[in-house]
């Protein structure tokens, strides 16, 4: 299982996705740990078993065991945080923003990898999950750490393509039942 296998599964009508998948992963200028951590975290966030089955082995091969675990942790903690903070932000009663969250998120403080990498993965997962508050927060941390806009954009390009490929493949799997 690999990136090439995943690309071969993308239907013809989604050729742009196939090309973009090859481009954002195959031609990325991100260092391998940032790239494959972003790929793994967003593949988990995309909730597509097909995408995750195809990309996880390649991510495992390109990441240290600590980075592989940290990317999974980023996807897990951001699944919670994105719902919590997006809801808090969307509620018209802003008093919720003054209440203590009371949720454990210790992994953010000690992810087991470089904090910039973990922030980038958290940012990318937040892009998939659509939490503007989390996107702003992680983007600010990354910018303060000296990460350029090009790197940050690379992460959300990966997130957008992985999510779109997952959507197309999951739709095809369901539609195949009717053919």
N, C-alpha and C. Protein backbone atom coordinates (compact mmCIF):
# COMPACT_ATOMS: atom_id res chain seq x y z
N UNK A 1 0.85 -1.18 0.00
CA UNK A 1 0.00 0.00 0.00
C UNK A 1 0.89 1.24 0.00
N UNK A 2 0.45 2.23 -0.80
CA UNK A 2 1.31 3.40 -0.94
C UNK A 2 0.55 4.55 -1.56
N UNK A 3 1.28 5.63 -1.69
CA UNK A 3 0.73 6.80 -2.36
C UNK A 3 0.32 6.46 -3.79
N UNK A 4 1.14 5.69 -4.49
CA UNK A 4 0.80 5.31 -5.86
C UNK A 4 -0.46 4.45 -5.91
N UNK A 5 -0.62 3.55 -4.96
CA UNK A 5 -1.83 2.73 -4.90
C UNK A 5 -3.07 3.61 -4.67
N UNK A 6 -2.92 4.59 -3.78
CA UNK A 6 -4.03 5.48 -3.50
C UNK A 6 -4.39 6.29 -4.75
N UNK A 7 -3.37 6.82 -5.42
CA UNK A 7 -3.62 7.60 -6.64
C UNK A 7 -4.33 6.75 -7.69
N UNK A 8 -3.97 5.48 -7.78
CA UNK A 8 -4.60 4.61 -8.79
C UNK A 8 -6.07 4.36 -8.49
N UNK A 9 -6.48 4.57 -7.27
CA UNK A 9 -7.88 4.35 -6.89
C UNK A 9 -8.77 5.57 -7.13
N UNK A 10 -8.16 6.73 -7.36
CA UNK A 10 -8.93 7.95 -7.56
C UNK A 10 -9.64 7.86 -8.92
N UNK A 11 -10.96 8.09 -8.95
CA UNK A 11 -11.71 7.98 -10.21
C UNK A 11 -11.30 9.06 -11.22
N UNK A 12 -11.57 8.76 -12.48
CA UNK A 12 -11.18 9.66 -13.57
C UNK A 12 -11.77 11.06 -13.42
N UNK A 13 -13.01 11.15 -12.94
CA UNK A 13 -13.62 12.47 -12.80
C UNK A 13 -12.91 13.34 -11.76
N UNK A 14 -12.09 12.72 -10.93
CA UNK A 14 -11.35 13.45 -9.89
C UNK A 14 -9.86 13.48 -10.21
N UNK A 15 -9.55 13.53 -11.50
CA UNK A 15 -8.14 13.53 -11.93
C UNK A 15 -7.34 14.65 -11.27
N UNK A 16 -7.97 15.80 -11.06
CA UNK A 16 -7.27 16.91 -10.39
C UNK A 16 -6.81 16.49 -8.99
N UNK A 17 -7.63 15.73 -8.31
CA UNK A 17 -7.26 15.26 -6.97
C UNK A 17 -6.06 14.33 -7.04
N UNK A 18 -6.07 13.44 -8.03
CA UNK A 18 -4.95 12.52 -8.22
C UNK A 18 -3.65 13.29 -8.46
N UNK A 19 -3.72 14.28 -9.34
CA UNK A 19 -2.54 15.09 -9.63
C UNK A 19 -2.09 15.88 -8.41
N UNK A 20 -3.07 16.44 -7.70
CA UNK A 20 -2.73 17.22 -6.51
C UNK A 20 -2.16 16.34 -5.41
N UNK A 21 -2.67 15.13 -5.28
CA UNK A 21 -2.14 14.20 -4.28
C UNK A 21 -0.67 13.92 -4.55
N UNK A 22 -0.36 13.64 -5.80
CA UNK A 22 1.04 13.41 -6.17
C UNK A 22 1.90 14.63 -5.93
N UNK A 23 1.34 15.79 -6.15
CA UNK A 23 2.08 17.04 -6.00
C UNK A 23 2.31 17.40 -4.53
N UNK A 24 1.24 17.42 -3.74
CA UNK A 24 1.40 17.90 -2.36
C UNK A 24 2.16 16.92 -1.47
N UNK A 25 2.12 15.64 -1.82
CA UNK A 25 2.88 14.66 -1.04
C UNK A 25 4.19 14.31 -1.74
N UNK A 26 4.08 13.96 -3.00
CA UNK A 26 5.26 13.51 -3.74
C UNK A 26 6.29 14.58 -4.03
N UNK A 27 5.86 15.83 -4.11
CA UNK A 27 6.79 16.91 -4.43
C UNK A 27 6.89 17.95 -3.31
N UNK A 28 6.49 17.58 -2.12
CA UNK A 28 6.52 18.52 -1.00
C UNK A 28 7.95 18.89 -0.63
N UNK A 29 8.11 20.14 -0.24
CA UNK A 29 9.40 20.60 0.25
C UNK A 29 9.50 20.53 1.77
N UNK A 30 8.45 20.03 2.41
CA UNK A 30 8.51 19.86 3.86
C UNK A 30 9.52 18.78 4.21
N UNK A 31 10.20 18.93 5.35
CA UNK A 31 11.05 17.83 5.82
C UNK A 31 10.18 16.58 6.02
N UNK A 32 10.77 15.39 5.87
CA UNK A 32 9.97 14.16 5.95
C UNK A 32 9.09 14.05 7.20
N UNK A 33 9.60 14.43 8.36
CA UNK A 33 8.78 14.30 9.56
C UNK A 33 7.57 15.22 9.50
N UNK A 34 7.75 16.45 9.08
CA UNK A 34 6.61 17.36 8.97
C UNK A 34 5.62 16.86 7.92
N UNK A 35 6.14 16.42 6.79
CA UNK A 35 5.30 15.93 5.70
C UNK A 35 4.48 14.73 6.14
N UNK A 36 5.14 13.68 6.57
CA UNK A 36 4.44 12.43 6.85
C UNK A 36 3.60 12.50 8.11
N UNK A 37 3.99 13.35 9.07
CA UNK A 37 3.12 13.59 10.23
C UNK A 37 1.85 14.29 9.82
N UNK A 38 1.98 15.26 8.92
CA UNK A 38 0.81 15.97 8.40
C UNK A 38 -0.08 15.02 7.61
N UNK A 39 0.53 14.19 6.78
CA UNK A 39 -0.24 13.22 5.98
C UNK A 39 -1.00 12.27 6.91
N UNK A 40 -0.32 11.71 7.89
CA UNK A 40 -0.98 10.76 8.78
C UNK A 40 -2.08 11.42 9.60
N UNK A 41 -1.79 12.56 10.19
CA UNK A 41 -2.80 13.24 11.03
C UNK A 41 -4.03 13.62 10.22
N UNK A 42 -3.82 14.11 8.99
CA UNK A 42 -4.98 14.51 8.18
C UNK A 42 -5.71 13.29 7.60
N UNK A 43 -4.99 12.21 7.34
CA UNK A 43 -5.65 10.99 6.89
C UNK A 43 -6.57 10.45 7.99
N UNK A 44 -6.14 10.55 9.23
CA UNK A 44 -6.99 10.14 10.35
C UNK A 44 -8.18 11.08 10.44
N UNK A 45 -7.91 12.38 10.37
CA UNK A 45 -8.99 13.38 10.49
C UNK A 45 -10.00 13.27 9.35
N UNK A 46 -9.56 12.85 8.18
CA UNK A 46 -10.46 12.73 7.03
C UNK A 46 -11.47 11.60 7.20
N UNK A 47 -11.21 10.70 8.12
CA UNK A 47 -12.13 9.62 8.45
C UNK A 47 -12.43 8.69 7.27
N UNK A 48 -11.48 8.54 6.41
CA UNK A 48 -11.64 7.64 5.27
C UNK A 48 -10.77 6.40 5.50
N UNK A 49 -11.39 5.25 5.75
CA UNK A 49 -10.60 4.04 5.93
C UNK A 49 -9.69 3.74 4.74
N UNK A 50 -10.18 4.02 3.54
CA UNK A 50 -9.38 3.75 2.34
C UNK A 50 -8.10 4.58 2.35
N UNK A 51 -8.25 5.87 2.58
CA UNK A 51 -7.09 6.77 2.59
C UNK A 51 -6.13 6.38 3.71
N UNK A 52 -6.66 6.12 4.87
CA UNK A 52 -5.81 5.77 6.01
C UNK A 52 -5.06 4.45 5.76
N UNK A 53 -5.75 3.44 5.22
CA UNK A 53 -5.09 2.16 4.91
C UNK A 53 -3.95 2.33 3.92
N UNK A 54 -4.13 3.20 2.96
CA UNK A 54 -3.10 3.39 1.93
C UNK A 54 -1.92 4.24 2.40
N UNK A 55 -2.19 5.25 3.22
CA UNK A 55 -1.13 6.19 3.59
C UNK A 55 -0.42 5.87 4.91
N UNK A 56 -1.10 5.20 5.82
CA UNK A 56 -0.50 4.94 7.13
C UNK A 56 0.79 4.11 7.05
N UNK A 57 0.86 3.05 6.24
CA UNK A 57 2.11 2.29 6.18
C UNK A 57 3.29 3.14 5.68
N UNK A 58 3.02 3.99 4.71
CA UNK A 58 4.09 4.85 4.20
C UNK A 58 4.49 5.89 5.24
N UNK A 59 3.51 6.38 5.97
CA UNK A 59 3.82 7.32 7.06
C UNK A 59 4.67 6.62 8.12
N UNK A 60 4.29 5.41 8.48
CA UNK A 60 5.05 4.65 9.48
C UNK A 60 6.50 4.45 9.03
N UNK A 61 6.67 4.18 7.74
CA UNK A 61 8.01 3.95 7.20
C UNK A 61 8.86 5.22 7.18
N UNK A 62 8.22 6.38 7.16
CA UNK A 62 8.94 7.64 7.07
C UNK A 62 9.03 8.41 8.38
N UNK A 63 8.41 7.89 9.42
CA UNK A 63 8.42 8.55 10.72
C UNK A 63 9.07 7.66 11.78
N UNK A 64 9.65 8.29 12.78
CA UNK A 64 10.11 7.53 13.94
C UNK A 64 8.87 7.02 14.67
N UNK A 65 9.00 6.01 15.49
CA UNK A 65 7.83 5.56 16.27
C UNK A 65 7.23 6.70 17.10
N UNK A 66 8.08 7.57 17.64
CA UNK A 66 7.60 8.70 18.45
C UNK A 66 6.79 9.68 17.60
N UNK A 67 7.27 9.96 16.40
CA UNK A 67 6.57 10.90 15.52
C UNK A 67 5.26 10.29 15.02
N UNK A 68 5.27 8.99 14.72
CA UNK A 68 4.06 8.31 14.28
C UNK A 68 2.98 8.41 15.37
N UNK A 69 3.38 8.15 16.61
CA UNK A 69 2.45 8.24 17.74
C UNK A 69 1.99 9.67 17.95
N UNK A 70 2.89 10.62 17.83
CA UNK A 70 2.54 12.03 18.04
C UNK A 70 1.57 12.52 16.97
N UNK A 71 1.73 12.09 15.73
CA UNK A 71 0.80 12.49 14.67
C UNK A 71 -0.60 11.94 14.96
N UNK A 72 -0.66 10.70 15.44
CA UNK A 72 -1.95 10.13 15.83
C UNK A 72 -2.54 10.90 17.01
N UNK A 73 -1.68 11.30 17.95
CA UNK A 73 -2.13 12.07 19.11
C UNK A 73 -2.66 13.43 18.68
N UNK A 74 -2.00 14.05 17.70
CA UNK A 74 -2.49 15.35 17.20
C UNK A 74 -3.89 15.20 16.62
N UNK A 75 -4.09 14.16 15.84
CA UNK A 75 -5.42 13.93 15.26
C UNK A 75 -6.45 13.68 16.35
N UNK A 76 -6.08 12.93 17.37
CA UNK A 76 -7.02 12.61 18.45
C UNK A 76 -7.39 13.83 19.28
N UNK A 77 -6.40 14.55 19.75
CA UNK A 77 -6.70 15.69 20.62
C UNK A 77 -7.40 16.80 19.86
N UNK A 78 -7.05 16.96 18.57
CA UNK A 78 -7.70 18.01 17.80
C UNK A 78 -9.12 17.62 17.41
N UNK A 79 -9.43 16.34 17.31
CA UNK A 79 -10.81 15.92 17.08
C UNK A 79 -11.69 16.44 18.21
N UNK A 80 -11.18 16.38 19.42
CA UNK A 80 -11.91 16.89 20.57
C UNK A 80 -11.90 18.42 20.58
N UNK A 81 -10.71 19.00 20.48
CA UNK A 81 -10.59 20.46 20.58
C UNK A 81 -11.34 21.18 19.47
N UNK A 82 -11.30 20.65 18.26
CA UNK A 82 -11.97 21.33 17.16
C UNK A 82 -13.48 21.41 17.38
N UNK A 83 -14.07 20.35 17.91
CA UNK A 83 -15.51 20.39 18.20
C UNK A 83 -15.77 21.36 19.36
N UNK A 84 -14.98 21.25 20.41
CA UNK A 84 -15.20 22.09 21.59
C UNK A 84 -15.05 23.57 21.25
N UNK A 85 -13.91 23.94 20.67
CA UNK A 85 -13.65 25.36 20.42
C UNK A 85 -14.47 25.93 19.27
N UNK A 86 -14.76 25.12 18.27
CA UNK A 86 -15.64 25.59 17.19
C UNK A 86 -17.03 25.86 17.74
N UNK A 87 -17.53 24.99 18.60
CA UNK A 87 -18.85 25.19 19.20
C UNK A 87 -18.85 26.43 20.07
N UNK A 88 -17.84 26.58 20.89
CA UNK A 88 -17.74 27.75 21.76
C UNK A 88 -17.74 29.03 20.93
N UNK A 89 -17.02 28.99 19.82
CA UNK A 89 -16.92 30.17 18.95
C UNK A 89 -18.24 30.46 18.22
N UNK A 90 -18.96 29.43 17.83
CA UNK A 90 -20.19 29.61 17.06
C UNK A 90 -21.40 30.00 17.90
N UNK A 91 -21.35 29.70 19.19
CA UNK A 91 -22.48 30.06 20.05
C UNK A 91 -22.59 31.58 20.16
N UNK A 92 -23.81 32.08 20.07
CA UNK A 92 -23.99 33.53 20.18
C UNK A 92 -23.79 34.02 21.61
N UNK A 93 -23.90 33.13 22.59
CA UNK A 93 -23.66 33.49 23.98
C UNK A 93 -22.16 33.38 24.26
N UNK A 94 -21.47 34.48 24.23
CA UNK A 94 -20.01 34.51 24.39
C UNK A 94 -19.55 34.23 25.82
N UNK A 95 -20.47 34.09 26.74
CA UNK A 95 -20.11 33.74 28.11
C UNK A 95 -19.47 32.36 28.19
N UNK A 96 -19.78 31.48 27.23
CA UNK A 96 -19.15 30.15 27.22
C UNK A 96 -17.64 30.27 27.09
N UNK A 97 -17.19 31.32 26.43
CA UNK A 97 -15.76 31.55 26.26
C UNK A 97 -15.06 31.91 27.55
N UNK A 98 -15.80 32.28 28.56
CA UNK A 98 -15.20 32.63 29.86
C UNK A 98 -15.14 31.44 30.81
N UNK A 99 -15.82 30.36 30.44
CA UNK A 99 -15.85 29.18 31.30
C UNK A 99 -14.60 28.33 31.10
N UNK A 100 -14.17 27.69 32.17
CA UNK A 100 -13.01 26.79 32.10
C UNK A 100 -13.37 25.59 31.22
N UNK A 101 -12.46 25.23 30.32
CA UNK A 101 -12.72 24.10 29.42
C UNK A 101 -12.83 22.79 30.22
N UNK A 102 -11.91 22.56 31.12
CA UNK A 102 -11.95 21.35 31.92
C UNK A 102 -11.68 20.07 31.14
N UNK A 103 -11.00 20.19 30.02
CA UNK A 103 -10.66 19.03 29.20
C UNK A 103 -9.16 18.80 29.24
N UNK A 104 -8.77 17.56 29.36
CA UNK A 104 -7.34 17.24 29.37
C UNK A 104 -6.78 17.29 27.96
N UNK A 105 -5.63 17.96 27.85
CA UNK A 105 -4.92 18.06 26.58
C UNK A 105 -3.43 18.10 26.84
N UNK A 106 -2.98 17.25 27.74
CA UNK A 106 -1.58 17.22 28.15
C UNK A 106 -0.62 16.97 26.99
N UNK A 107 -1.07 16.23 25.99
CA UNK A 107 -0.19 15.88 24.87
C UNK A 107 0.29 17.13 24.13
N UNK A 108 -0.47 18.19 24.16
CA UNK A 108 -0.06 19.43 23.49
C UNK A 108 1.20 19.99 24.14
N UNK A 109 1.29 19.88 25.46
CA UNK A 109 2.45 20.38 26.18
C UNK A 109 3.67 19.47 26.08
N UNK A 110 3.44 18.19 25.86
CA UNK A 110 4.54 17.23 25.79
C UNK A 110 4.21 16.16 24.74
N UNK A 111 4.34 16.53 23.45
CA UNK A 111 3.93 15.60 22.39
C UNK A 111 4.93 14.50 22.06
N UNK A 112 6.16 14.61 22.57
CA UNK A 112 7.17 13.60 22.28
C UNK A 112 7.96 13.87 21.01
N UNK A 113 7.65 14.97 20.33
CA UNK A 113 8.37 15.42 19.13
C UNK A 113 8.54 16.93 19.23
N UNK A 114 9.25 17.49 18.26
CA UNK A 114 9.41 18.93 18.20
C UNK A 114 8.03 19.59 18.22
N UNK A 115 7.87 20.59 19.08
CA UNK A 115 6.55 21.23 19.23
C UNK A 115 6.08 21.91 17.95
N UNK A 116 7.00 22.40 17.13
CA UNK A 116 6.61 23.01 15.86
C UNK A 116 5.94 21.97 14.97
N UNK A 117 6.50 20.78 14.91
CA UNK A 117 5.90 19.72 14.10
C UNK A 117 4.51 19.39 14.61
N UNK A 118 4.37 19.25 15.91
CA UNK A 118 3.07 18.92 16.49
C UNK A 118 2.06 20.03 16.23
N UNK A 119 2.48 21.27 16.33
CA UNK A 119 1.61 22.41 16.03
C UNK A 119 1.17 22.39 14.57
N UNK A 120 2.10 22.06 13.68
CA UNK A 120 1.76 22.00 12.25
C UNK A 120 0.72 20.92 12.00
N UNK A 121 0.90 19.77 12.62
CA UNK A 121 -0.06 18.67 12.46
C UNK A 121 -1.42 19.06 13.05
N UNK A 122 -1.40 19.71 14.20
CA UNK A 122 -2.64 20.16 14.83
C UNK A 122 -3.35 21.19 13.96
N UNK A 123 -2.57 22.07 13.37
CA UNK A 123 -3.12 23.07 12.45
C UNK A 123 -3.79 22.37 11.26
N UNK A 124 -3.11 21.40 10.66
CA UNK A 124 -3.65 20.69 9.49
C UNK A 124 -4.92 19.95 9.83
N UNK A 125 -4.97 19.31 10.98
CA UNK A 125 -6.18 18.62 11.41
C UNK A 125 -7.31 19.62 11.62
N UNK A 126 -6.98 20.78 12.16
CA UNK A 126 -7.99 21.83 12.35
C UNK A 126 -8.54 22.32 11.02
N UNK A 127 -7.71 22.31 9.99
CA UNK A 127 -8.18 22.67 8.65
C UNK A 127 -9.21 21.65 8.17
N UNK A 128 -8.93 20.37 8.35
CA UNK A 128 -9.88 19.33 7.95
C UNK A 128 -11.19 19.48 8.73
N UNK A 129 -11.07 19.75 10.02
CA UNK A 129 -12.25 19.81 10.89
C UNK A 129 -12.93 21.17 10.89
N UNK A 130 -12.34 22.15 10.27
CA UNK A 130 -12.99 23.45 10.10
C UNK A 130 -13.17 24.28 11.35
N UNK A 131 -12.19 24.28 12.22
CA UNK A 131 -12.28 25.10 13.43
C UNK A 131 -11.42 26.35 13.25
N UNK A 132 -12.06 27.46 12.96
CA UNK A 132 -11.35 28.71 12.75
C UNK A 132 -10.58 29.19 13.96
N UNK A 133 -11.15 29.00 15.12
CA UNK A 133 -10.48 29.41 16.35
C UNK A 133 -9.17 28.64 16.54
N UNK A 134 -9.21 27.33 16.29
CA UNK A 134 -8.01 26.50 16.42
C UNK A 134 -7.00 26.83 15.32
N UNK A 135 -7.50 27.06 14.11
CA UNK A 135 -6.60 27.44 13.03
C UNK A 135 -5.83 28.70 13.38
N UNK A 136 -6.53 29.72 13.84
CA UNK A 136 -5.87 30.97 14.23
C UNK A 136 -4.86 30.75 15.34
N UNK A 137 -5.23 29.99 16.33
CA UNK A 137 -4.35 29.74 17.48
C UNK A 137 -3.07 29.03 17.06
N UNK A 138 -3.20 27.96 16.30
CA UNK A 138 -2.02 27.20 15.88
C UNK A 138 -1.18 27.98 14.87
N UNK A 139 -1.83 28.73 14.00
CA UNK A 139 -1.09 29.54 13.03
C UNK A 139 -0.25 30.59 13.75
N UNK A 140 -0.80 31.20 14.78
CA UNK A 140 -0.05 32.21 15.54
C UNK A 140 1.15 31.60 16.24
N UNK A 141 0.98 30.42 16.81
CA UNK A 141 2.10 29.74 17.47
C UNK A 141 3.18 29.41 16.45
N UNK A 142 2.77 28.91 15.30
CA UNK A 142 3.73 28.57 14.25
C UNK A 142 4.47 29.81 13.76
N UNK A 143 3.75 30.89 13.52
CA UNK A 143 4.40 32.12 13.04
C UNK A 143 5.37 32.67 14.08
N UNK A 144 4.99 32.62 15.36
CA UNK A 144 5.89 33.08 16.43
C UNK A 144 7.14 32.23 16.51
N UNK A 145 7.03 30.98 16.11
CA UNK A 145 8.19 30.06 16.12
C UNK A 145 9.04 30.23 14.86
N UNK A 146 8.64 31.15 13.99
CA UNK A 146 9.43 31.42 12.79
C UNK A 146 9.05 30.60 11.57
N UNK A 147 7.94 29.90 11.64
CA UNK A 147 7.50 29.10 10.50
C UNK A 147 6.87 30.03 9.46
N UNK A 148 7.30 29.90 8.23
CA UNK A 148 6.82 30.76 7.16
C UNK A 148 5.43 30.39 6.67
N UNK A 149 4.80 31.35 6.05
CA UNK A 149 3.46 31.12 5.51
C UNK A 149 3.45 30.01 4.46
N UNK A 150 4.53 29.86 3.72
CA UNK A 150 4.60 28.82 2.70
C UNK A 150 4.50 27.43 3.32
N UNK A 151 5.16 27.23 4.46
CA UNK A 151 5.11 25.94 5.17
C UNK A 151 3.70 25.70 5.70
N UNK A 152 3.12 26.73 6.29
CA UNK A 152 1.77 26.60 6.84
C UNK A 152 0.78 26.31 5.72
N UNK A 153 0.93 27.00 4.61
CA UNK A 153 0.03 26.73 3.47
C UNK A 153 0.24 25.31 2.94
N UNK A 154 1.47 24.83 2.95
CA UNK A 154 1.74 23.46 2.51
C UNK A 154 0.93 22.47 3.36
N UNK A 155 0.85 22.73 4.67
CA UNK A 155 0.09 21.85 5.56
C UNK A 155 -1.40 21.86 5.21
N UNK A 156 -1.96 23.04 4.95
CA UNK A 156 -3.39 23.03 4.64
C UNK A 156 -3.68 22.61 3.21
N UNK A 157 -2.69 22.67 2.33
CA UNK A 157 -2.86 22.06 1.01
C UNK A 157 -2.95 20.54 1.15
N UNK A 158 -2.06 19.97 1.94
CA UNK A 158 -2.10 18.53 2.18
C UNK A 158 -3.44 18.15 2.79
N UNK A 159 -3.87 18.90 3.80
CA UNK A 159 -5.15 18.62 4.46
C UNK A 159 -6.30 18.65 3.47
N UNK A 160 -6.32 19.65 2.59
CA UNK A 160 -7.44 19.78 1.65
C UNK A 160 -7.45 18.63 0.65
N UNK A 161 -6.30 18.24 0.17
CA UNK A 161 -6.25 17.17 -0.84
C UNK A 161 -6.56 15.82 -0.21
N UNK A 162 -5.99 15.53 0.95
CA UNK A 162 -6.27 14.26 1.63
C UNK A 162 -7.77 14.15 1.93
N UNK A 163 -8.36 15.23 2.43
CA UNK A 163 -9.80 15.24 2.71
C UNK A 163 -10.61 15.01 1.44
N UNK A 164 -10.26 15.69 0.37
CA UNK A 164 -11.01 15.56 -0.88
C UNK A 164 -10.89 14.16 -1.47
N UNK A 165 -9.70 13.59 -1.43
CA UNK A 165 -9.51 12.22 -1.93
C UNK A 165 -10.35 11.26 -1.10
N UNK A 166 -10.33 11.43 0.21
CA UNK A 166 -11.15 10.59 1.07
C UNK A 166 -12.62 10.69 0.74
N UNK A 167 -13.11 11.90 0.51
CA UNK A 167 -14.52 12.10 0.16
C UNK A 167 -14.86 11.41 -1.15
N UNK A 168 -14.02 11.58 -2.16
CA UNK A 168 -14.29 10.96 -3.46
C UNK A 168 -14.28 9.44 -3.37
N UNK A 169 -13.30 8.89 -2.67
CA UNK A 169 -13.21 7.43 -2.59
C UNK A 169 -14.33 6.82 -1.77
N UNK A 170 -14.71 7.49 -0.71
CA UNK A 170 -15.82 6.98 0.10
C UNK A 170 -17.13 7.06 -0.68
N UNK A 171 -17.32 8.13 -1.44
CA UNK A 171 -18.51 8.25 -2.28
C UNK A 171 -18.55 7.13 -3.32
N UNK A 172 -17.41 6.87 -3.94
CA UNK A 172 -17.34 5.81 -4.95
C UNK A 172 -17.67 4.44 -4.34
N UNK A 173 -17.20 4.20 -3.13
CA UNK A 173 -17.47 2.93 -2.47
C UNK A 173 -18.97 2.75 -2.24
N UNK A 174 -19.65 3.81 -1.84
CA UNK A 174 -21.09 3.74 -1.62
C UNK A 174 -21.82 3.63 -2.95
N UNK A 175 -21.45 4.45 -3.92
CA UNK A 175 -22.13 4.43 -5.21
C UNK A 175 -21.96 3.10 -5.94
N UNK A 176 -20.86 2.42 -5.71
CA UNK A 176 -20.63 1.13 -6.34
C UNK A 176 -21.68 0.10 -5.91
N UNK A 177 -22.27 0.30 -4.75
CA UNK A 177 -23.30 -0.60 -4.27
C UNK A 177 -24.56 -0.53 -5.13
N UNK A 178 -24.75 0.57 -5.83
CA UNK A 178 -25.97 0.77 -6.63
C UNK A 178 -25.77 0.41 -8.10
N UNK A 179 -24.57 0.10 -8.47
CA UNK A 179 -24.29 -0.18 -9.90
C UNK A 179 -24.35 -1.65 -10.20
